[in-house]
Amino acid sequence: MAEIVVVGAGIAGLATAAAFQRSDHSVTVIEERTDTSSGAGISIWPNALAALDQLGLGEQVRTAGGRVTAGAIRWKDGRWLRRPAGERIVTALGEPLVVLQRAALRDILSGALAPGTIVDGVAVREVSTIRDGVRLYLSDSSTRDAEAVVGADGTRSVLARHLNGPLTYRYAGYTAWRGVSTLTIEADLAGETLGSGAEVGHVPMGSDRTYWFATERASEGASAPQGELAYLRSRFASWATPIPELLAATDPSNVLRNDLYDRSHARRWAAGPVVLVGDAAHPMRPHLGQGGCQALEDAAVLGACVDLTSDLPAAFAAFEAFRRRRVRAIARESRLIGDVVNLRPAALSALASRATVVLPEFAVTRHLARIAARSAFRLPTAP
């Protein structure tokens, strides 16, 4: 039985640990943070639900969240740019997507792990490969040896630097806010509202809450002197219903603001007994809602690769070869969408955003299905 250490207890790390433990591997998850903040919401598209089904957790996630069948796009004055029929989307994707609190997803994933699996409050500072595996140098001055290590430690991953050397970061030019409102919205309003150089997304999260996000060009590291929510309420006060109402029914303490960054590509996701998953391997902007979804796909595929061979380095190499092409294409498209929405001057952004209306509905739906349908999730098979 292999002893595996997973570095990072986010979605990618917890799901990967769950995949390994389902196959009776001994796993420890190391996590630097000790906070238990609830976070905002997360959209779990059918491709990720299929991955969760592979982990035996799909039904728990469906039960914990709200089902979303719409994907409308409007202009800030309320005019519809795209209003697909809910039945068309569900048919194309295989089932509705699910929106739930990130904390609820973390609880489901961590609840699938054996007691004592997660070690909180310690960080990995350095990594070295030894004859029998990997040695981790921890922030409490201790070391831990393992036969294999999974780097699920996010965009600024120590494990990614171990495999690739220095990685560069570039501010994308805009920032993102996320929050949860106690206002409920009509199901057919789920989707996005666009303006010149800004966007607001809004999706029901169960029967009594709505998850929302907003993006806008801003200086790196900026903050709103009057408070983030107060700024957003003023910024979007003239936008169509339900944007002002959603913000009015949001608790300021539940609003998150994060600048968005691009990181240089990790040339290697795997080498010997070390492998990367999730943002450590392939950070992506949020515009397709696939960051967490692709992390869940990673976990299920990596677990399947390990099931196919007892040679962990070979399994890790097979995982990279299997996943790289799909994930890169999604990351590239997410970045492109963000660049279009946040074009300067703002009038150019408005023109490009409104141009989406000329795309045939069947073509848009078919393309979305290639990314997010249940059938888009694939598992490797034995050679």
Protein backbone atom coordinates (compact mmCIF):
# COMPACT_ATOMS: atom_id res chain seq x y z
CA MET A 1 0.00 0.00 0.00
CA ALA A 2 1.45 3.33 -1.07
CA GLU A 3 1.90 6.16 1.45
CA ILE A 4 0.81 9.35 -0.33
CA VAL A 5 0.88 12.93 0.95
CA VAL A 6 -1.44 15.50 -0.59
CA VAL A 7 -0.33 19.10 -0.09
CA GLY A 8 -3.36 21.39 0.12
CA ALA A 9 -6.88 20.87 1.48
CA GLY A 10 -8.82 22.78 -1.12
CA ILE A 11 -11.22 21.16 -3.57
CA ALA A 12 -8.46 19.49 -5.59
CA GLY A 13 -6.60 18.14 -2.56
CA LEU A 14 -9.61 16.82 -0.67
CA ALA A 15 -11.12 15.20 -3.76
CA THR A 16 -7.80 13.58 -4.67
CA ALA A 17 -7.39 12.22 -1.17
CA ALA A 18 -10.93 10.81 -1.33
CA ALA A 19 -10.14 9.12 -4.66
CA PHE A 20 -7.02 7.49 -3.22
CA GLN A 21 -8.70 6.34 -0.03
CA ARG A 22 -11.47 4.68 -2.06
CA SER A 23 -8.69 2.48 -3.43
CA ASP A 24 -7.33 1.79 0.08
CA HIS A 25 -4.20 3.91 -0.22
CA SER A 26 -2.80 5.50 2.93
CA VAL A 27 -3.15 9.29 2.54
CA THR A 28 -2.29 12.35 4.61
CA VAL A 29 -3.43 15.84 3.61
CA ILE A 30 -1.26 18.76 4.76
CA GLU A 31 -2.88 22.20 4.86
CA GLU A 32 -1.31 25.49 5.90
CA ARG A 33 -4.56 27.30 6.72
CA THR A 34 -6.61 26.77 9.83
CA ASP A 35 -9.53 29.13 9.01
CA THR A 36 -13.03 27.80 8.51
CA SER A 37 -14.53 30.66 6.50
CA SER A 38 -17.59 29.70 4.51
CA GLY A 39 -16.40 31.24 1.26
CA ALA A 40 -18.82 32.12 -1.51
CA GLY A 41 -20.67 29.81 -3.85
CA ILE A 42 -19.44 27.45 -6.52
CA SER A 43 -21.06 26.08 -9.66
CA ILE A 44 -20.69 22.36 -10.20
CA TRP A 45 -21.33 21.63 -13.86
CA PRO A 46 -22.42 18.17 -15.05
CA ASN A 47 -18.87 17.21 -16.07
CA ALA A 48 -17.81 17.69 -12.45
CA LEU A 49 -20.92 15.93 -11.15
CA ALA A 50 -19.87 12.94 -13.25
CA ALA A 51 -16.42 13.12 -11.62
CA LEU A 52 -18.04 13.28 -8.18
CA ASP A 53 -20.16 10.24 -9.06
CA GLN A 54 -16.89 8.43 -9.74
CA LEU A 55 -15.85 9.34 -6.18
CA GLY A 56 -19.19 8.23 -4.75
CA LEU A 57 -20.11 11.79 -3.71
CA GLY A 58 -22.33 13.07 -6.51
CA GLU A 59 -25.67 12.58 -4.80
CA GLN A 60 -24.51 14.35 -1.65
CA VAL A 61 -23.53 17.38 -3.71
CA ARG A 62 -26.81 17.38 -5.64
CA THR A 63 -28.73 17.27 -2.36
CA ALA A 64 -26.69 20.10 -0.80
CA GLY A 65 -27.14 22.57 -3.66
CA GLY A 66 -29.70 24.14 -5.92
CA ARG A 67 -30.31 22.98 -9.49
CA VAL A 68 -29.84 25.55 -12.27
CA THR A 69 -31.19 25.05 -15.78
CA ALA A 70 -30.94 28.55 -17.31
CA GLY A 71 -27.95 30.32 -18.80
CA ALA A 72 -29.28 33.68 -19.94
CA ILE A 73 -27.17 36.71 -20.87
CA ARG A 74 -28.61 40.22 -20.62
CA TRP A 75 -27.36 43.75 -21.16
CA LYS A 76 -27.27 46.00 -18.10
CA ASP A 77 -30.58 47.65 -19.10
CA GLY A 78 -32.36 44.29 -18.99
CA ARG A 79 -32.39 43.53 -22.72
CA TRP A 80 -31.81 39.87 -23.47
CA LEU A 81 -28.68 39.06 -25.46
CA ARG A 82 -29.21 35.32 -25.20
CA ARG A 83 -32.07 33.39 -23.61
CA PRO A 84 -31.76 29.66 -24.29
CA ALA A 85 -34.54 27.29 -23.31
CA GLY A 86 -33.77 25.45 -20.08
CA GLU A 87 -34.73 22.12 -21.65
CA ARG A 88 -32.16 22.65 -24.41
CA ILE A 89 -29.35 23.20 -21.89
CA VAL A 90 -30.29 20.26 -19.68
CA THR A 91 -30.58 17.96 -22.69
CA ALA A 92 -27.20 19.08 -24.00
CA LEU A 93 -25.42 18.83 -20.63
CA GLY A 94 -27.12 15.68 -19.38
CA GLU A 95 -28.51 17.25 -16.19
CA PRO A 96 -28.78 20.66 -14.48
CA LEU A 97 -25.71 22.20 -12.91
CA VAL A 98 -25.63 22.47 -9.11
CA VAL A 99 -24.73 25.62 -7.13
CA LEU A 100 -23.78 25.35 -3.47
CA GLN A 101 -21.69 27.02 -0.80
CA ARG A 102 -17.99 26.23 -1.13
CA ALA A 103 -17.93 25.31 2.55
CA ALA A 104 -20.66 22.72 1.94
CA LEU A 105 -18.60 21.15 -0.84
CA ARG A 106 -15.50 21.10 1.38
CA ASP A 107 -17.51 19.45 4.14
CA ILE A 108 -18.72 16.72 1.77
CA LEU A 109 -15.21 16.07 0.48
CA SER A 110 -13.56 16.09 3.91
CA GLY A 111 -16.38 13.95 5.30
CA ALA A 112 -15.41 11.24 2.84
CA LEU A 113 -11.94 10.99 4.39
CA ALA A 114 -10.88 8.78 7.28
CA PRO A 115 -10.55 10.57 10.65
CA GLY A 116 -7.13 12.12 11.13
CA THR A 117 -6.37 12.38 7.40
CA ILE A 118 -6.04 16.19 7.42
CA VAL A 119 -3.17 17.90 9.26
CA ASP A 120 -3.90 21.64 9.59
CA GLY A 121 -1.63 24.55 10.41
CA VAL A 122 1.59 23.39 8.77
CA ALA A 123 3.03 24.46 5.43
CA VAL A 124 5.44 22.78 3.03
CA ARG A 125 8.48 25.02 2.57
CA GLU A 126 10.69 22.84 0.40
CA VAL A 127 10.66 19.49 -1.40
CA SER A 128 13.38 17.07 -2.38
CA THR A 129 13.34 13.72 -4.11
CA ILE A 130 14.97 10.90 -2.16
CA ARG A 131 15.71 7.32 -3.11
CA ASP A 132 12.45 5.94 -1.74
CA GLY A 133 10.17 8.83 -2.67
CA VAL A 134 9.90 12.44 -1.55
CA ARG A 135 10.93 14.41 1.52
CA LEU A 136 8.88 17.42 2.59
CA TYR A 137 10.39 20.16 4.76
CA LEU A 138 7.64 21.69 6.88
CA SER A 139 7.10 25.08 8.50
CA ASP A 140 7.36 23.59 12.01
CA SER A 141 10.96 22.52 11.20
CA SER A 142 9.99 18.86 10.87
CA THR A 143 10.26 16.68 7.78
CA ARG A 144 7.90 14.08 6.37
CA ASP A 145 8.80 11.33 3.91
CA ALA A 146 6.33 9.79 1.49
CA GLU A 147 6.37 7.39 -1.42
CA ALA A 148 4.56 10.01 -3.50
CA VAL A 149 3.30 13.59 -3.19
CA VAL A 150 0.38 15.35 -4.87
CA GLY A 151 0.72 19.12 -5.18
CA ALA A 152 -2.76 20.58 -4.68
CA ASP A 153 -1.40 23.76 -3.14
CA GLY A 154 -2.91 26.32 -5.48
CA THR A 155 -1.64 28.83 -8.01
CA ARG A 156 1.52 29.67 -6.05
CA SER A 157 2.32 26.02 -5.50
CA VAL A 158 5.61 24.99 -3.91
CA LEU A 159 5.32 21.66 -5.73
CA ALA A 160 4.82 23.39 -9.10
CA ARG A 161 8.04 25.34 -8.56
CA HIS A 162 9.80 22.13 -7.54
CA LEU A 163 8.92 20.60 -10.91
CA ASN A 164 9.22 23.69 -13.11
CA GLY A 165 11.52 26.20 -11.45
CA PRO A 166 10.36 29.83 -11.09
CA LEU A 167 6.90 30.60 -12.45
CA THR A 168 5.87 34.12 -13.41
CA TYR A 169 2.64 35.87 -12.45
CA ARG A 170 0.92 38.71 -14.30
CA TYR A 171 -2.02 40.75 -13.09
CA ALA A 172 -4.90 40.21 -15.53
CA GLY A 173 -5.98 43.85 -15.22
CA TYR A 174 -9.24 43.33 -13.39
CA THR A 175 -10.62 42.20 -10.08
CA ALA A 176 -13.49 39.94 -9.01
CA TRP A 177 -16.00 40.17 -6.19
CA ARG A 178 -18.06 37.23 -4.93
CA GLY A 179 -20.92 37.05 -2.48
CA VAL A 180 -24.11 35.33 -1.42
CA SER A 181 -27.43 37.19 -1.23
CA THR A 182 -30.47 36.21 0.79
CA LEU A 183 -32.64 37.33 -2.12
CA THR A 184 -34.08 34.62 -4.33
CA ILE A 185 -34.28 35.19 -8.08
CA GLU A 186 -36.43 33.69 -10.79
CA ALA A 187 -34.89 30.58 -12.32
CA ASP A 188 -34.85 32.06 -15.82
CA LEU A 189 -32.66 34.96 -14.63
CA ALA A 190 -29.76 32.62 -13.83
CA GLY A 191 -26.80 33.68 -15.92
CA GLU A 192 -24.94 36.94 -16.48
CA THR A 193 -25.65 40.62 -16.95
CA LEU A 194 -23.09 42.54 -18.99
CA GLY A 195 -22.12 46.18 -19.25
CA SER A 196 -19.25 48.14 -20.74
CA GLY A 197 -16.14 46.70 -19.10
CA ALA A 198 -18.03 44.95 -16.32
CA GLU A 199 -20.19 41.89 -15.69
CA VAL A 200 -22.34 40.45 -12.91
CA GLY A 201 -23.20 36.76 -12.68
CA HIS A 202 -26.12 35.49 -10.61
CA VAL A 203 -27.40 31.95 -10.01
CA PRO A 204 -29.85 30.52 -7.46
CA MET A 205 -28.14 28.63 -4.64
CA GLY A 206 -30.96 26.54 -3.23
CA SER A 207 -34.41 27.93 -2.48
CA ASP A 208 -33.44 30.91 -0.35
CA ARG A 209 -30.10 32.31 -1.54
CA THR A 210 -28.36 33.55 -4.69
CA TYR A 211 -24.66 33.33 -5.47
CA TRP A 212 -23.34 36.33 -7.38
CA PHE A 213 -20.02 37.57 -8.73
CA ALA A 214 -18.84 40.72 -10.46
CA THR A 215 -15.72 41.72 -12.39
CA GLU A 216 -14.36 45.12 -13.40
CA ARG A 217 -11.06 46.60 -14.50
CA ALA A 218 -9.17 48.07 -11.53
CA SER A 219 -5.66 48.87 -10.37
CA GLU A 220 -3.81 45.95 -8.86
CA GLY A 221 -4.20 45.83 -5.11
CA ALA A 222 -6.92 48.47 -5.04
CA SER A 223 -9.72 48.49 -2.49
CA ALA A 224 -12.87 50.53 -1.98
CA PRO A 225 -12.42 53.09 0.85
CA GLN A 226 -16.15 53.00 1.60
CA GLY A 227 -16.20 49.20 1.69
CA GLU A 228 -16.45 46.72 -1.17
CA LEU A 229 -20.19 46.14 -0.96
CA ALA A 230 -20.97 49.85 -0.66
CA TYR A 231 -18.92 50.45 -3.80
CA LEU A 232 -20.70 47.69 -5.70
CA ARG A 233 -24.13 48.96 -4.64
CA SER A 234 -23.24 52.38 -6.04
CA ARG A 235 -21.50 51.02 -9.16
CA PHE A 236 -24.42 48.82 -10.21
CA ALA A 237 -27.31 50.90 -8.84
CA SER A 238 -28.65 51.64 -12.33
CA TRP A 239 -28.38 48.09 -13.64
CA ALA A 240 -31.48 46.03 -14.29
CA THR A 241 -33.27 44.00 -11.65
CA PRO A 242 -32.19 41.89 -9.83
CA ILE A 243 -28.63 43.30 -9.58
CA PRO A 244 -29.31 46.19 -7.14
CA GLU A 245 -31.69 44.03 -5.11
CA LEU A 246 -29.16 41.19 -4.84
CA LEU A 247 -26.50 43.54 -3.53
CA ALA A 248 -28.94 45.17 -1.11
CA ALA A 249 -29.67 41.74 0.40
CA THR A 250 -26.00 40.81 0.84
CA ASP A 251 -24.12 40.91 4.14
CA PRO A 252 -20.92 43.01 3.75
CA SER A 253 -18.95 40.46 5.77
CA ASN A 254 -19.71 37.81 3.14
CA VAL A 255 -18.20 39.71 0.20
CA LEU A 256 -14.83 38.58 -1.13
CA ARG A 257 -12.57 40.59 -3.44
CA ASN A 258 -9.66 39.04 -5.32
CA ASP A 259 -7.46 40.40 -8.06
CA LEU A 260 -7.10 37.95 -10.94
CA TYR A 261 -3.71 36.74 -12.14
CA ASP A 262 -2.33 34.67 -14.96
CA ARG A 263 0.56 32.33 -14.26
CA SER A 264 3.04 31.00 -16.76
CA HIS A 265 2.29 27.44 -17.92
CA ALA A 266 3.67 24.64 -15.82
CA ARG A 267 5.72 22.71 -18.36
CA ARG A 268 5.58 19.63 -16.17
CA TRP A 269 2.71 18.38 -14.07
CA ALA A 270 4.43 15.16 -13.13
CA ALA A 271 7.95 13.85 -12.61
CA GLY A 272 8.77 10.67 -10.72
CA PRO A 273 6.81 10.50 -7.46
CA VAL A 274 5.44 14.08 -7.68
CA VAL A 275 2.28 15.20 -9.50
CA LEU A 276 0.25 18.43 -9.65
CA VAL A 277 -3.54 18.81 -9.68
CA GLY A 278 -6.00 21.69 -9.76
CA ASP A 279 -4.69 25.27 -9.73
CA ALA A 280 -1.17 24.05 -8.97
CA ALA A 281 -1.12 22.47 -12.43
CA HIS A 282 -3.45 24.70 -14.42
CA PRO A 283 -4.81 27.91 -12.85
CA MET A 284 -7.64 29.42 -14.86
CA ARG A 285 -9.81 32.49 -14.76
CA PRO A 286 -13.38 32.04 -13.51
CA HIS A 287 -15.39 32.93 -16.62
CA LEU A 288 -16.41 29.40 -17.61
CA GLY A 289 -17.01 28.28 -14.03
CA GLN A 290 -14.59 25.40 -14.55
CA GLY A 291 -11.78 25.99 -12.04
CA GLY A 292 -13.23 23.80 -9.31
CA CYS A 293 -14.87 21.51 -11.86
CA GLN A 294 -11.57 20.71 -13.53
CA ALA A 295 -10.01 20.10 -10.12
CA LEU A 296 -12.69 17.48 -9.48
CA GLU A 297 -12.03 15.93 -12.87
CA ASP A 298 -8.32 15.84 -12.00
CA ALA A 299 -9.02 13.98 -8.78
CA ALA A 300 -11.20 11.33 -10.38
CA VAL A 301 -8.83 10.80 -13.33
CA LEU A 302 -5.73 10.63 -11.13
CA GLY A 303 -7.46 8.10 -8.89
CA ALA A 304 -8.33 6.02 -11.95
CA CYS A 305 -4.74 6.19 -13.24
CA VAL A 306 -3.42 4.96 -9.89
CA ASP A 307 -5.95 2.12 -9.96
CA LEU A 308 -4.62 1.01 -13.35
CA THR A 309 -1.02 0.49 -12.18
CA SER A 310 0.87 0.03 -8.93
CA ASP A 311 3.75 2.10 -10.38
CA LEU A 312 2.93 5.57 -9.05
CA PRO A 313 5.37 7.54 -11.25
CA ALA A 314 3.90 5.79 -14.30
CA ALA A 315 0.37 6.57 -13.11
CA PHE A 316 1.28 10.23 -12.59
CA ALA A 317 2.81 10.50 -16.07
CA ALA A 318 -0.29 8.87 -17.58
CA PHE A 319 -2.49 11.38 -15.74
CA GLU A 320 -0.60 14.33 -17.19
CA ALA A 321 -0.72 12.93 -20.71
CA PHE A 322 -4.45 12.24 -20.43
CA ARG A 323 -5.51 15.58 -18.95
CA ARG A 324 -3.25 18.26 -20.39
CA ARG A 325 -4.94 18.91 -23.74
CA ARG A 326 -8.49 19.26 -22.36
CA VAL A 327 -7.53 21.47 -19.45
CA ARG A 328 -5.32 23.77 -21.49
CA ALA A 329 -8.10 24.46 -23.98
CA ILE A 330 -10.54 25.38 -21.19
CA ALA A 331 -8.00 27.63 -19.46
CA ARG A 332 -7.26 29.39 -22.75
CA GLU A 333 -10.96 30.03 -23.44
CA SER A 334 -11.59 31.28 -19.88
CA ARG A 335 -8.80 33.79 -20.33
CA LEU A 336 -10.14 34.92 -23.70
CA ILE A 337 -13.63 35.55 -22.31
CA GLY A 338 -12.19 37.62 -19.48
CA ASP A 339 -10.12 39.68 -21.88
CA VAL A 340 -13.16 40.38 -24.07
CA VAL A 341 -15.43 41.43 -21.17
CA ASN A 342 -12.72 43.73 -19.82
CA LEU A 343 -11.48 45.24 -23.08
CA ARG A 344 -10.41 48.85 -23.15
CA PRO A 345 -11.82 51.21 -24.19
CA ALA A 346 -15.09 50.15 -22.55
CA ALA A 347 -17.01 50.81 -25.76
CA LEU A 348 -15.00 48.06 -27.44
CA SER A 349 -15.90 45.70 -24.62
CA ALA A 350 -19.58 46.56 -25.08
CA LEU A 351 -19.40 45.93 -28.82
CA ALA A 352 -17.69 42.56 -28.38
CA SER A 353 -20.07 41.43 -25.62
CA ARG A 354 -23.18 42.33 -27.60
CA ALA A 355 -21.80 40.51 -30.65
CA THR A 356 -22.42 37.19 -28.89
CA VAL A 357 -26.08 37.50 -29.86
CA VAL A 358 -25.27 36.71 -33.50
CA LEU A 359 -23.95 33.24 -32.66
CA PRO A 360 -26.51 30.49 -33.39
CA GLU A 361 -27.98 28.99 -30.22
CA PHE A 362 -27.30 25.42 -31.32
CA ALA A 363 -23.62 26.23 -31.86
CA VAL A 364 -23.25 27.86 -28.44
CA THR A 365 -24.98 24.94 -26.72
CA ARG A 366 -22.93 22.36 -28.58
CA HIS A 367 -19.71 24.13 -27.64
CA LEU A 368 -20.75 24.39 -23.98
CA ALA A 369 -21.53 20.67 -23.97
CA ARG A 370 -18.01 19.85 -25.11
CA ILE A 371 -16.74 21.60 -22.01
CA ALA A 372 -19.32 20.96 -19.31
CA ALA A 373 -21.63 18.06 -20.23
CA ARG A 374 -21.56 14.77 -18.31
CA SER A 375 -20.26 13.19 -21.48
CA ALA A 376 -17.31 15.62 -21.56
CA PHE A 377 -15.83 13.88 -18.51
CA ARG A 378 -13.66 10.94 -19.53
CA LEU A 379 -11.73 8.32 -17.59
CA PRO A 380 -8.61 6.55 -18.84
CA THR A 381 -8.83 2.89 -19.72
CA ALA A 382 -6.28 0.10 -19.42
CA PRO A 383 -3.90 -0.03 -22.40
